[in-house]
Amino acid sequence: MLFLIALLLAIFLLPSPWGLITVAVALVIDVLEVTFGLWYSKRRRATVGTDTLVGVTGVAVGELLPEGQVKLNGEIWRARCEVGCDAGTTVVVRAVSGLTLEVEPA
């Protein structure tokens, strides 16, 4: 956008040498801005997938004897707890098996 504005200024308002200088400076700024934007967007990988759930704490919606449901980040998941726990117990995800979370009391 800056380059387009500089180009219009160079064509219609600025005298001969200053128009070219303005266009060159705007082009350099635009290239630097795009380069910085690309670098900034690629500096950290997105965290996606079920592996990101390991280590997250949640709350048992119902009894887990040994299977039931837990609420994690506003979502309800099917879960399995080998030792069992009551409703309302805070649990930690230790593994993910398909769509079932392997949890244990925190």
PDB file of N, CA and C in Angstrom:
ATOM      1  N   MET A   1       0.833  -1.181   0.000  1.00  0.00           N
ATOM      2  CA  MET A   1       0.000   0.000   0.000  1.00  0.00           C
ATOM      3  C   MET A   1       0.886   1.256   0.000  1.00  0.00           C
ATOM      4  N   LEU A   2       1.948   1.205   0.791  1.00  0.00           N
ATOM      5  CA  LEU A   2       2.864   2.338   0.842  1.00  0.00           C
ATOM      6  C   LEU A   2       3.498   2.590  -0.524  1.00  0.00           C
ATOM      7  N   PHE A   3       3.839   1.513  -1.201  1.00  0.00           N
ATOM      8  CA  PHE A   3       4.429   1.643  -2.535  1.00  0.00           C
ATOM      9  C   PHE A   3       3.448   2.283  -3.510  1.00  0.00           C
ATOM     10  N   LEU A   4       2.205   1.897  -3.436  1.00  0.00           N
ATOM     11  CA  LEU A   4       1.180   2.461  -4.323  1.00  0.00           C
ATOM     12  C   LEU A   4       0.991   3.956  -4.074  1.00  0.00           C
ATOM     13  N   ILE A   5       0.958   4.359  -2.810  1.00  0.00           N
ATOM     14  CA  ILE A   5       0.826   5.781  -2.477  1.00  0.00           C
ATOM     15  C   ILE A   5       2.041   6.566  -2.977  1.00  0.00           C
ATOM     16  N   ALA A   6       3.242   6.000  -2.773  1.00  0.00           N
ATOM     17  CA  ALA A   6       4.462   6.669  -3.234  1.00  0.00           C
ATOM     18  C   ALA A   6       4.481   6.791  -4.753  1.00  0.00           C
ATOM     19  N   LEU A   7       3.990   5.765  -5.418  1.00  0.00           N
ATOM     20  CA  LEU A   7       3.951   5.806  -6.873  1.00  0.00           C
ATOM     21  C   LEU A   7       3.004   6.899  -7.366  1.00  0.00           C
ATOM     22  N   LEU A   8       1.843   7.012  -6.747  1.00  0.00           N
ATOM     23  CA  LEU A   8       0.899   8.061  -7.122  1.00  0.00           C
ATOM     24  C   LEU A   8       1.464   9.454  -6.827  1.00  0.00           C
ATOM     25  N   LEU A   9       2.141   9.616  -5.693  1.00  0.00           N
ATOM     26  CA  LEU A   9       2.785  10.890  -5.383  1.00  0.00           C
ATOM     27  C   LEU A   9       3.853  11.227  -6.419  1.00  0.00           C
ATOM     28  N   ALA A  10       4.638  10.220  -6.802  1.00  0.00           N
ATOM     29  CA  ALA A  10       5.708  10.452  -7.767  1.00  0.00           C
ATOM     30  C   ALA A  10       5.170  10.861  -9.126  1.00  0.00           C
ATOM     31  N   ILE A  11       4.084  10.273  -9.515  1.00  0.00           N
ATOM     32  CA  ILE A  11       3.522  10.577 -10.838  1.00  0.00           C
ATOM     33  C   ILE A  11       2.865  11.952 -10.868  1.00  0.00           C
ATOM     34  N   PHE A  12       2.087  12.279  -9.821  1.00  0.00           N
ATOM     35  CA  PHE A  12       1.238  13.476  -9.894  1.00  0.00           C
ATOM     36  C   PHE A  12       1.751  14.696  -9.119  1.00  0.00           C
ATOM     37  N   LEU A  13       2.558  14.536  -8.081  1.00  0.00           N
ATOM     38  CA  LEU A  13       2.888  15.687  -7.239  1.00  0.00           C
ATOM     39  C   LEU A  13       4.369  16.039  -7.162  1.00  0.00           C
ATOM     40  N   LEU A  14       5.229  15.069  -7.056  1.00  0.00           N
ATOM     41  CA  LEU A  14       6.637  15.358  -6.777  1.00  0.00           C
ATOM     42  C   LEU A  14       7.429  15.649  -8.047  1.00  0.00           C
ATOM     43  N   PRO A  15       8.430  16.551  -7.932  1.00  0.00           N
ATOM     44  CA  PRO A  15       9.292  16.822  -9.087  1.00  0.00           C
ATOM     45  C   PRO A  15      10.177  15.613  -9.396  1.00  0.00           C
ATOM     46  N   SER A  16      10.830  15.647 -10.516  1.00  0.00           N
ATOM     47  CA  SER A  16      11.546  14.519 -11.099  1.00  0.00           C
ATOM     48  C   SER A  16      12.460  13.721 -10.170  1.00  0.00           C
ATOM     49  N   PRO A  17      13.502  14.260  -9.566  1.00  0.00           N
ATOM     50  CA  PRO A  17      14.370  13.348  -8.798  1.00  0.00           C
ATOM     51  C   PRO A  17      13.706  12.842  -7.515  1.00  0.00           C
ATOM     52  N   TRP A  18      12.852  13.662  -6.908  1.00  0.00           N
ATOM     53  CA  TRP A  18      12.245  13.261  -5.636  1.00  0.00           C
ATOM     54  C   TRP A  18      11.189  12.171  -5.814  1.00  0.00           C
ATOM     55  N   GLY A  19      10.558  12.130  -6.927  1.00  0.00           N
ATOM     56  CA  GLY A  19       9.586  11.078  -7.204  1.00  0.00           C
ATOM     57  C   GLY A  19      10.232   9.705  -7.256  1.00  0.00           C
ATOM     58  N   LEU A  20      11.382   9.615  -7.945  1.00  0.00           N
ATOM     59  CA  LEU A  20      12.099   8.342  -8.027  1.00  0.00           C
ATOM     60  C   LEU A  20      12.634   7.907  -6.669  1.00  0.00           C
ATOM     61  N   ILE A  21      13.133   8.857  -5.893  1.00  0.00           N
ATOM     62  CA  ILE A  21      13.638   8.545  -4.550  1.00  0.00           C
ATOM     63  C   ILE A  21      12.501   8.041  -3.659  1.00  0.00           C
ATOM     64  N   THR A  22      11.349   8.698  -3.751  1.00  0.00           N
ATOM     65  CA  THR A  22      10.200   8.292  -2.942  1.00  0.00           C
ATOM     66  C   THR A  22       9.743   6.878  -3.300  1.00  0.00           C
ATOM     67  N   VAL A  23       9.689   6.565  -4.568  1.00  0.00           N
ATOM     68  CA  VAL A  23       9.278   5.227  -5.008  1.00  0.00           C
ATOM     69  C   VAL A  23      10.290   4.180  -4.540  1.00  0.00           C
ATOM     70  N   ALA A  24      11.599   4.483  -4.649  1.00  0.00           N
ATOM     71  CA  ALA A  24      12.632   3.540  -4.224  1.00  0.00           C
ATOM     72  C   ALA A  24      12.563   3.273  -2.717  1.00  0.00           C
ATOM     73  N   VAL A  25      12.404   4.327  -1.927  1.00  0.00           N
ATOM     74  CA  VAL A  25      12.315   4.166  -0.469  1.00  0.00           C
ATOM     75  C   VAL A  25      11.073   3.364  -0.092  1.00  0.00           C
ATOM     76  N   ALA A  26       9.945   3.654  -0.714  1.00  0.00           N
ATOM     77  CA  ALA A  26       8.708   2.927  -0.430  1.00  0.00           C
ATOM     78  C   ALA A  26       8.841   1.459  -0.805  1.00  0.00           C
ATOM     79  N   LEU A  27       9.518   1.167  -1.921  1.00  0.00           N
ATOM     80  CA  LEU A  27       9.720  -0.211  -2.342  1.00  0.00           C
ATOM     81  C   LEU A  27      10.592  -0.966  -1.339  1.00  0.00           C
ATOM     82  N   VAL A  28      11.656  -0.339  -0.861  1.00  0.00           N
ATOM     83  CA  VAL A  28      12.527  -0.973   0.131  1.00  0.00           C
ATOM     84  C   VAL A  28      11.760  -1.233   1.427  1.00  0.00           C
ATOM     85  N   ILE A  29      10.980  -0.269   1.881  1.00  0.00           N
ATOM     86  CA  ILE A  29      10.190  -0.444   3.110  1.00  0.00           C
ATOM     87  C   ILE A  29       9.182  -1.575   2.933  1.00  0.00           C
ATOM     88  N   ASP A  30       8.528  -1.655   1.783  1.00  0.00           N
ATOM     89  CA  ASP A  30       7.560  -2.721   1.521  1.00  0.00           C
ATOM     90  C   ASP A  30       8.225  -4.097   1.542  1.00  0.00           C
ATOM     91  N   VAL A  31       9.379  -4.224   0.920  1.00  0.00           N
ATOM     92  CA  VAL A  31      10.089  -5.503   0.896  1.00  0.00           C
ATOM     93  C   VAL A  31      10.512  -5.905   2.308  1.00  0.00           C
ATOM     94  N   LEU A  32      11.030  -4.962   3.081  1.00  0.00           N
ATOM     95  CA  LEU A  32      11.414  -5.255   4.459  1.00  0.00           C
ATOM     96  C   LEU A  32      10.208  -5.656   5.313  1.00  0.00           C
ATOM     97  N   GLU A  33       9.089  -4.990   5.099  1.00  0.00           N
ATOM     98  CA  GLU A  33       7.880  -5.311   5.854  1.00  0.00           C
ATOM     99  C   GLU A  33       7.384  -6.725   5.549  1.00  0.00           C
ATOM    100  N   VAL A  34       7.386  -7.105   4.294  1.00  0.00           N
ATOM    101  CA  VAL A  34       6.952  -8.456   3.915  1.00  0.00           C
ATOM    102  C   VAL A  34       7.924  -9.499   4.447  1.00  0.00           C
ATOM    103  N   THR A  35       9.217  -9.230   4.350  1.00  0.00           N
ATOM    104  CA  THR A  35      10.219 -10.163   4.868  1.00  0.00           C
ATOM    105  C   THR A  35      10.062 -10.356   6.369  1.00  0.00           C
ATOM    106  N   PHE A  36       9.884  -9.280   7.100  1.00  0.00           N
ATOM    107  CA  PHE A  36       9.686  -9.374   8.551  1.00  0.00           C
ATOM    108  C   PHE A  36       8.398 -10.133   8.872  1.00  0.00           C
ATOM    109  N   GLY A  37       7.334  -9.882   8.131  1.00  0.00           N
ATOM    110  CA  GLY A  37       6.066 -10.583   8.365  1.00  0.00           C
ATOM    111  C   GLY A  37       6.193 -12.079   8.156  1.00  0.00           C
ATOM    112  N   LEU A  38       6.899 -12.489   7.108  1.00  0.00           N
ATOM    113  CA  LEU A  38       7.113 -13.917   6.870  1.00  0.00           C
ATOM    114  C   LEU A  38       7.955 -14.543   7.967  1.00  0.00           C
ATOM    115  N   TRP A  39       9.024 -13.883   8.377  1.00  0.00           N
ATOM    116  CA  TRP A  39       9.869 -14.399   9.456  1.00  0.00           C
ATOM    117  C   TRP A  39       9.076 -14.530  10.746  1.00  0.00           C
ATOM    118  N   TYR A  40       8.284 -13.530  11.067  1.00  0.00           N
ATOM    119  CA  TYR A  40       7.519 -13.527  12.311  1.00  0.00           C
ATOM    120  C   TYR A  40       6.481 -14.639  12.327  1.00  0.00           C
ATOM    121  N   SER A  41       5.866 -14.918  11.199  1.00  0.00           N
ATOM    122  CA  SER A  41       4.824 -15.941  11.166  1.00  0.00           C
ATOM    123  C   SER A  41       5.393 -17.358  11.228  1.00  0.00           C
ATOM    124  N   LYS A  42       6.633 -17.550  10.846  1.00  0.00           N
ATOM    125  CA  LYS A  42       7.228 -18.890  10.827  1.00  0.00           C
ATOM    126  C   LYS A  42       8.130 -19.172  12.017  1.00  0.00           C
ATOM    127  N   ARG A  43       8.218 -18.273  12.977  1.00  0.00           N
ATOM    128  CA  ARG A  43       9.157 -18.471  14.076  1.00  0.00           C
ATOM    129  C   ARG A  43       8.704 -19.504  15.090  1.00  0.00           C
ATOM    130  N   ARG A  44       7.425 -19.853  15.105  1.00  0.00           N
ATOM    131  CA  ARG A  44       6.931 -20.848  16.053  1.00  0.00           C
ATOM    132  C   ARG A  44       5.915 -21.731  15.349  1.00  0.00           C
ATOM    133  N   ARG A  45       6.054 -23.045  15.515  1.00  0.00           N
ATOM    134  CA  ARG A  45       5.125 -23.972  14.885  1.00  0.00           C
ATOM    135  C   ARG A  45       3.800 -23.977  15.633  1.00  0.00           C
ATOM    136  N   ALA A  46       2.742 -24.186  14.910  1.00  0.00           N
ATOM    137  CA  ALA A  46       1.414 -24.267  15.511  1.00  0.00           C
ATOM    138  C   ALA A  46       1.302 -25.559  16.325  1.00  0.00           C
ATOM    139  N   THR A  47       0.658 -25.470  17.470  1.00  0.00           N
ATOM    140  CA  THR A  47       0.450 -26.654  18.298  1.00  0.00           C
ATOM    141  C   THR A  47      -0.930 -27.210  17.996  1.00  0.00           C
ATOM    142  N   VAL A  48      -0.936 -28.357  17.330  1.00  0.00           N
ATOM    143  CA  VAL A  48      -2.191 -28.992  16.947  1.00  0.00           C
ATOM    144  C   VAL A  48      -2.088 -30.489  17.190  1.00  0.00           C
ATOM    145  N   GLY A  49      -3.220 -31.136  17.233  1.00  0.00           N
ATOM    146  CA  GLY A  49      -3.245 -32.588  17.375  1.00  0.00           C
ATOM    147  C   GLY A  49      -3.513 -33.007  18.806  1.00  0.00           C
ATOM    148  N   THR A  50      -3.697 -34.295  18.957  1.00  0.00           N
ATOM    149  CA  THR A  50      -4.045 -34.831  20.274  1.00  0.00           C
ATOM    150  C   THR A  50      -2.862 -34.848  21.232  1.00  0.00           C
ATOM    151  N   ASP A  51      -1.643 -34.806  20.713  1.00  0.00           N
ATOM    152  CA  ASP A  51      -0.468 -34.819  21.590  1.00  0.00           C
ATOM    153  C   ASP A  51      -0.384 -33.564  22.450  1.00  0.00           C
ATOM    154  N   THR A  52      -1.032 -32.501  22.053  1.00  0.00           N
ATOM    155  CA  THR A  52      -1.008 -31.275  22.849  1.00  0.00           C
ATOM    156  C   THR A  52      -1.851 -31.402  24.112  1.00  0.00           C
ATOM    157  N   LEU A  53      -2.671 -32.452  24.206  1.00  0.00           N
ATOM    158  CA  LEU A  53      -3.519 -32.641  25.387  1.00  0.00           C
ATOM    159  C   LEU A  53      -2.765 -33.274  26.554  1.00  0.00           C
ATOM    160  N   VAL A  54      -1.656 -33.942  26.280  1.00  0.00           N
ATOM    161  CA  VAL A  54      -0.898 -34.608  27.345  1.00  0.00           C
ATOM    162  C   VAL A  54      -0.353 -33.568  28.319  1.00  0.00           C
ATOM    163  N   GLY A  55      -0.655 -33.760  29.605  1.00  0.00           N
ATOM    164  CA  GLY A  55      -0.210 -32.842  30.647  1.00  0.00           C
ATOM    165  C   GLY A  55      -1.235 -31.784  31.012  1.00  0.00           C
ATOM    166  N   VAL A  56      -2.332 -31.705  30.274  1.00  0.00           N
ATOM    167  CA  VAL A  56      -3.367 -30.710  30.538  1.00  0.00           C
ATOM    168  C   VAL A  56      -4.261 -31.214  31.669  1.00  0.00           C
ATOM    169  N   THR A  57      -4.662 -30.305  32.552  1.00  0.00           N
ATOM    170  CA  THR A  57      -5.561 -30.690  33.644  1.00  0.00           C
ATOM    171  C   THR A  57      -7.002 -30.415  33.258  1.00  0.00           C
ATOM    172  N   GLY A  58      -7.880 -31.250  33.778  1.00  0.00           N
ATOM    173  CA  GLY A  58      -9.305 -31.112  33.523  1.00  0.00           C
ATOM    174  C   GLY A  58     -10.085 -31.537  34.746  1.00  0.00           C
ATOM    175  N   VAL A  59     -11.397 -31.594  34.610  1.00  0.00           N
ATOM    176  CA  VAL A  59     -12.278 -31.960  35.711  1.00  0.00           C
ATOM    177  C   VAL A  59     -13.167 -33.114  35.260  1.00  0.00           C
ATOM    178  N   ALA A  60     -13.304 -34.125  36.108  1.00  0.00           N
ATOM    179  CA  ALA A  60     -14.171 -35.256  35.797  1.00  0.00           C
ATOM    180  C   ALA A  60     -15.626 -34.800  35.838  1.00  0.00           C
ATOM    181  N   VAL A  61     -16.344 -35.033  34.751  1.00  0.00           N
ATOM    182  CA  VAL A  61     -17.755 -34.648  34.672  1.00  0.00           C
ATOM    183  C   VAL A  61     -18.602 -35.622  35.486  1.00  0.00           C
ATOM    184  N   GLY A  62     -18.287 -36.884  35.367  1.00  0.00           N
ATOM    185  CA  GLY A  62     -18.974 -37.934  36.130  1.00  0.00           C
ATOM    186  C   GLY A  62     -17.932 -38.840  36.745  1.00  0.00           C
ATOM    187  N   GLU A  63     -18.391 -39.918  37.360  1.00  0.00           N
ATOM    188  CA  GLU A  63     -17.440 -40.860  37.954  1.00  0.00           C
ATOM    189  C   GLU A  63     -16.652 -41.571  36.867  1.00  0.00           C
ATOM    190  N   LEU A  64     -15.386 -41.767  37.120  1.00  0.00           N
ATOM    191  CA  LEU A  64     -14.522 -42.514  36.206  1.00  0.00           C
ATOM    192  C   LEU A  64     -14.206 -43.845  36.864  1.00  0.00           C
ATOM    193  N   LEU A  65     -15.039 -44.849  36.584  1.00  0.00           N
ATOM    194  CA  LEU A  65     -14.883 -46.160  37.216  1.00  0.00           C
ATOM    195  C   LEU A  65     -14.887 -47.259  36.173  1.00  0.00           C
ATOM    196  N   PRO A  66     -13.969 -47.557  35.389  1.00  0.00           N
ATOM    197  CA  PRO A  66     -12.784 -46.763  35.087  1.00  0.00           C
ATOM    198  C   PRO A  66     -13.010 -45.782  33.946  1.00  0.00           C
ATOM    199  N   GLU A  67     -14.182 -45.835  33.260  1.00  0.00           N
ATOM    200  CA  GLU A  67     -14.404 -44.924  32.134  1.00  0.00           C
ATOM    201  C   GLU A  67     -15.490 -43.913  32.449  1.00  0.00           C
ATOM    202  N   GLY A  68     -15.413 -42.779  31.805  1.00  0.00           N
ATOM    203  CA  GLY A  68     -16.387 -41.717  31.987  1.00  0.00           C
ATOM    204  C   GLY A  68     -16.023 -40.544  31.095  1.00  0.00           C
ATOM    205  N   GLN A  69     -16.351 -39.334  31.556  1.00  0.00           N
ATOM    206  CA  GLN A  69     -16.071 -38.139  30.767  1.00  0.00           C
ATOM    207  C   GLN A  69     -15.359 -37.086  31.611  1.00  0.00           C
ATOM    208  N   VAL A  70     -14.494 -36.328  30.949  1.00  0.00           N
ATOM    209  CA  VAL A  70     -13.807 -35.215  31.600  1.00  0.00           C
ATOM    210  C   VAL A  70     -13.990 -33.972  30.745  1.00  0.00           C
ATOM    211  N   LYS A  71     -13.918 -32.820  31.397  1.00  0.00           N
ATOM    212  CA  LYS A  71     -14.021 -31.540  30.692  1.00  0.00           C
ATOM    213  C   LYS A  71     -12.628 -30.918  30.652  1.00  0.00           C
ATOM    214  N   LEU A  72     -12.181 -30.645  29.431  1.00  0.00           N
ATOM    215  CA  LEU A  72     -10.840 -30.110  29.182  1.00  0.00           C
ATOM    216  C   LEU A  72     -10.968 -28.897  28.277  1.00  0.00           C
ATOM    217  N   ASN A  73     -10.531 -27.750  28.733  1.00  0.00           N
ATOM    218  CA  ASN A  73     -10.561 -26.526  27.915  1.00  0.00           C
ATOM    219  C   ASN A  73     -11.942 -26.279  27.307  1.00  0.00           C
ATOM    220  N   GLY A  74     -12.986 -26.539  28.061  1.00  0.00           N
ATOM    221  CA  GLY A  74     -14.340 -26.295  27.592  1.00  0.00           C
ATOM    222  C   GLY A  74     -14.924 -27.407  26.737  1.00  0.00           C
ATOM    223  N   GLU A  75     -14.182 -28.471  26.506  1.00  0.00           N
ATOM    224  CA  GLU A  75     -14.655 -29.595  25.705  1.00  0.00           C
ATOM    225  C   GLU A  75     -14.806 -30.825  26.580  1.00  0.00           C
ATOM    226  N   ILE A  76     -15.792 -31.647  26.278  1.00  0.00           N
ATOM    227  CA  ILE A  76     -15.998 -32.879  27.033  1.00  0.00           C
ATOM    228  C   ILE A  76     -15.417 -34.042  26.229  1.00  0.00           C
ATOM    229  N   TRP A  77     -14.528 -34.807  26.881  1.00  0.00           N
ATOM    230  CA  TRP A  77     -13.843 -35.935  26.254  1.00  0.00           C
ATOM    231  C   TRP A  77     -14.185 -37.222  26.986  1.00  0.00           C
ATOM    232  N   ARG A  78     -14.146 -38.332  26.257  1.00  0.00           N
ATOM    233  CA  ARG A  78     -14.253 -39.648  26.882  1.00  0.00           C
ATOM    234  C   ARG A  78     -12.904 -39.934  27.532  1.00  0.00           C
ATOM    235  N   ALA A  79     -12.933 -40.457  28.750  1.00  0.00           N
ATOM    236  CA  ALA A  79     -11.673 -40.675  29.472  1.00  0.00           C
ATOM    237  C   ALA A  79     -11.696 -42.004  30.194  1.00  0.00           C
ATOM    238  N   ARG A  80     -10.501 -42.470  30.497  1.00  0.00           N
ATOM    239  CA  ARG A  80     -10.322 -43.726  31.240  1.00  0.00           C
ATOM    240  C   ARG A  80      -9.332 -43.465  32.359  1.00  0.00           C
ATOM    241  N   CYS A  81      -9.730 -43.865  33.585  1.00  0.00           N
ATOM    242  CA  CYS A  81      -8.864 -43.692  34.755  1.00  0.00           C
ATOM    243  C   CYS A  81      -8.770 -45.046  35.454  1.00  0.00           C
ATOM    244  N   GLU A  82      -7.606 -45.652  35.437  1.00  0.00           N
ATOM    245  CA  GLU A  82      -7.414 -46.991  36.007  1.00  0.00           C
ATOM    246  C   GLU A  82      -7.710 -47.042  37.504  1.00  0.00           C
ATOM    247  N   VAL A  83      -7.318 -45.997  38.239  1.00  0.00           N
ATOM    248  CA  VAL A  83      -7.547 -46.003  39.689  1.00  0.00           C
ATOM    249  C   VAL A  83      -8.944 -45.526  40.036  1.00  0.00           C
ATOM    250  N   GLY A  84      -9.625 -44.907  39.098  1.00  0.00           N
ATOM    251  CA  GLY A  84     -10.976 -44.409  39.320  1.00  0.00           C
ATOM    252  C   GLY A  84     -10.973 -43.106  40.105  1.00  0.00           C
ATOM    253  N   CYS A  85     -12.024 -42.300  39.904  1.00  0.00           N
ATOM    254  CA  CYS A  85     -12.174 -41.061  40.658  1.00  0.00           C
ATOM    255  C   CYS A  85     -13.624 -40.609  40.593  1.00  0.00           C
ATOM    256  N   ASP A  86     -13.998 -39.744  41.501  1.00  0.00           N
ATOM    257  CA  ASP A  86     -15.365 -39.245  41.598  1.00  0.00           C
ATOM    258  C   ASP A  86     -15.566 -38.036  40.689  1.00  0.00           C
ATOM    259  N   ALA A  87     -16.836 -37.649  40.526  1.00  0.00           N
ATOM    260  CA  ALA A  87     -17.172 -36.460  39.746  1.00  0.00           C
ATOM    261  C   ALA A  87     -16.603 -35.228  40.428  1.00  0.00           C
ATOM    262  N   GLY A  88     -16.098 -34.286  39.637  1.00  0.00           N
ATOM    263  CA  GLY A  88     -15.532 -33.055  40.179  1.00  0.00           C
ATOM    264  C   GLY A  88     -14.066 -33.138  40.526  1.00  0.00           C
ATOM    265  N   THR A  89     -13.473 -34.298  40.413  1.00  0.00           N
ATOM    266  CA  THR A  89     -12.060 -34.479  40.724  1.00  0.00           C
ATOM    267  C   THR A  89     -11.201 -33.886  39.603  1.00  0.00           C
ATOM    268  N   THR A  90     -10.142 -33.204  39.969  1.00  0.00           N
ATOM    269  CA  THR A  90      -9.199 -32.679  38.982  1.00  0.00           C
ATOM    270  C   THR A  90      -8.319 -33.823  38.495  1.00  0.00           C
ATOM    271  N   VAL A  91      -8.221 -33.954  37.178  1.00  0.00           N
ATOM    272  CA  VAL A  91      -7.428 -35.034  36.590  1.00  0.00           C
ATOM    273  C   VAL A  91      -6.403 -34.457  35.630  1.00  0.00           C
ATOM    274  N   VAL A  92      -5.357 -35.238  35.374  1.00  0.00           N
ATOM    275  CA  VAL A  92      -4.294 -34.847  34.440  1.00  0.00           C
ATOM    276  C   VAL A  92      -4.239 -35.884  33.332  1.00  0.00           C
ATOM    277  N   VAL A  93      -4.161 -35.432  32.093  1.00  0.00           N
ATOM    278  CA  VAL A  93      -4.067 -36.331  30.946  1.00  0.00           C
ATOM    279  C   VAL A  93      -2.644 -36.874  30.865  1.00  0.00           C
ATOM    280  N   ARG A  94      -2.521 -38.205  30.824  1.00  0.00           N
ATOM    281  CA  ARG A  94      -1.202 -38.850  30.730  1.00  0.00           C
ATOM    282  C   ARG A  94      -0.929 -39.428  29.349  1.00  0.00           C
ATOM    283  N   ALA A  95      -2.000 -39.769  28.612  1.00  0.00           N
ATOM    284  CA  ALA A  95      -1.835 -40.321  27.263  1.00  0.00           C
ATOM    285  C   ALA A  95      -3.142 -40.159  26.503  1.00  0.00           C
ATOM    286  N   VAL A  96      -3.050 -40.320  25.199  1.00  0.00           N
ATOM    287  CA  VAL A  96      -4.235 -40.264  24.346  1.00  0.00           C
ATOM    288  C   VAL A  96      -4.268 -41.546  23.528  1.00  0.00           C
ATOM    289  N   SER A  97      -5.398 -42.241  23.582  1.00  0.00           N
ATOM    290  CA  SER A  97      -5.570 -43.480  22.835  1.00  0.00           C
ATOM    291  C   SER A  97      -6.804 -43.325  21.950  1.00  0.00           C
ATOM    292  N   GLY A  98      -6.578 -43.001  20.687  1.00  0.00           N
ATOM    293  CA  GLY A  98      -7.704 -42.715  19.801  1.00  0.00           C
ATOM    294  C   GLY A  98      -8.388 -41.441  20.247  1.00  0.00           C
ATOM    295  N   LEU A  99      -9.691 -41.551  20.596  1.00  0.00           N
ATOM    296  CA  LEU A  99     -10.425 -40.399  21.117  1.00  0.00           C
ATOM    297  C   LEU A  99     -10.661 -40.522  22.616  1.00  0.00           C
ATOM    298  N   THR A 100      -9.977 -41.445  23.254  1.00  0.00           N
ATOM    299  CA  THR A 100     -10.104 -41.647  24.704  1.00  0.00           C
ATOM    300  C   THR A 100      -8.843 -41.139  25.389  1.00  0.00           C
ATOM    301  N   LEU A 101      -9.028 -40.337  26.427  1.00  0.00           N
ATOM    302  CA  LEU A 101      -7.897 -39.816  27.191  1.00  0.00           C
ATOM    303  C   LEU A 101      -7.596 -40.751  28.353  1.00  0.00           C
ATOM    304  N   GLU A 102      -6.333 -41.053  28.555  1.00  0.00           N
ATOM    305  CA  GLU A 102      -5.901 -41.813  29.721  1.00  0.00           C
ATOM    306  C   GLU A 102      -5.525 -40.781  30.793  1.00  0.00           C
ATOM    307  N   VAL A 103      -6.286 -40.769  31.898  1.00  0.00           N
ATOM    308  CA  VAL A 103      -6.079 -39.752  32.918  1.00  0.00           C
ATOM    309  C   VAL A 103      -5.792 -40.386  34.272  1.00  0.00           C
ATOM    310  N   GLU A 104      -5.300 -39.542  35.170  1.00  0.00           N
ATOM    311  CA  GLU A 104      -5.128 -39.944  36.579  1.00  0.00           C
ATOM    312  C   GLU A 104      -5.407 -38.729  37.447  1.00  0.00           C
ATOM    313  N   PRO A 105      -5.859 -38.952  38.678  1.00  0.00           N
ATOM    314  CA  PRO A 105      -6.144 -37.824  39.567  1.00  0.00           C
ATOM    315  C   PRO A 105      -4.912 -36.959  39.780  1.00  0.00           C
ATOM    316  N   ALA A 106      -5.130 -35.671  39.852  1.00  0.00           N
ATOM    317  CA  ALA A 106      -4.001 -34.728  40.040  1.00  0.00           C
ATOM    318  C   ALA A 106      -3.515 -34.728  41.462  1.00  0.00           C
TER     319      ALA A 106
END
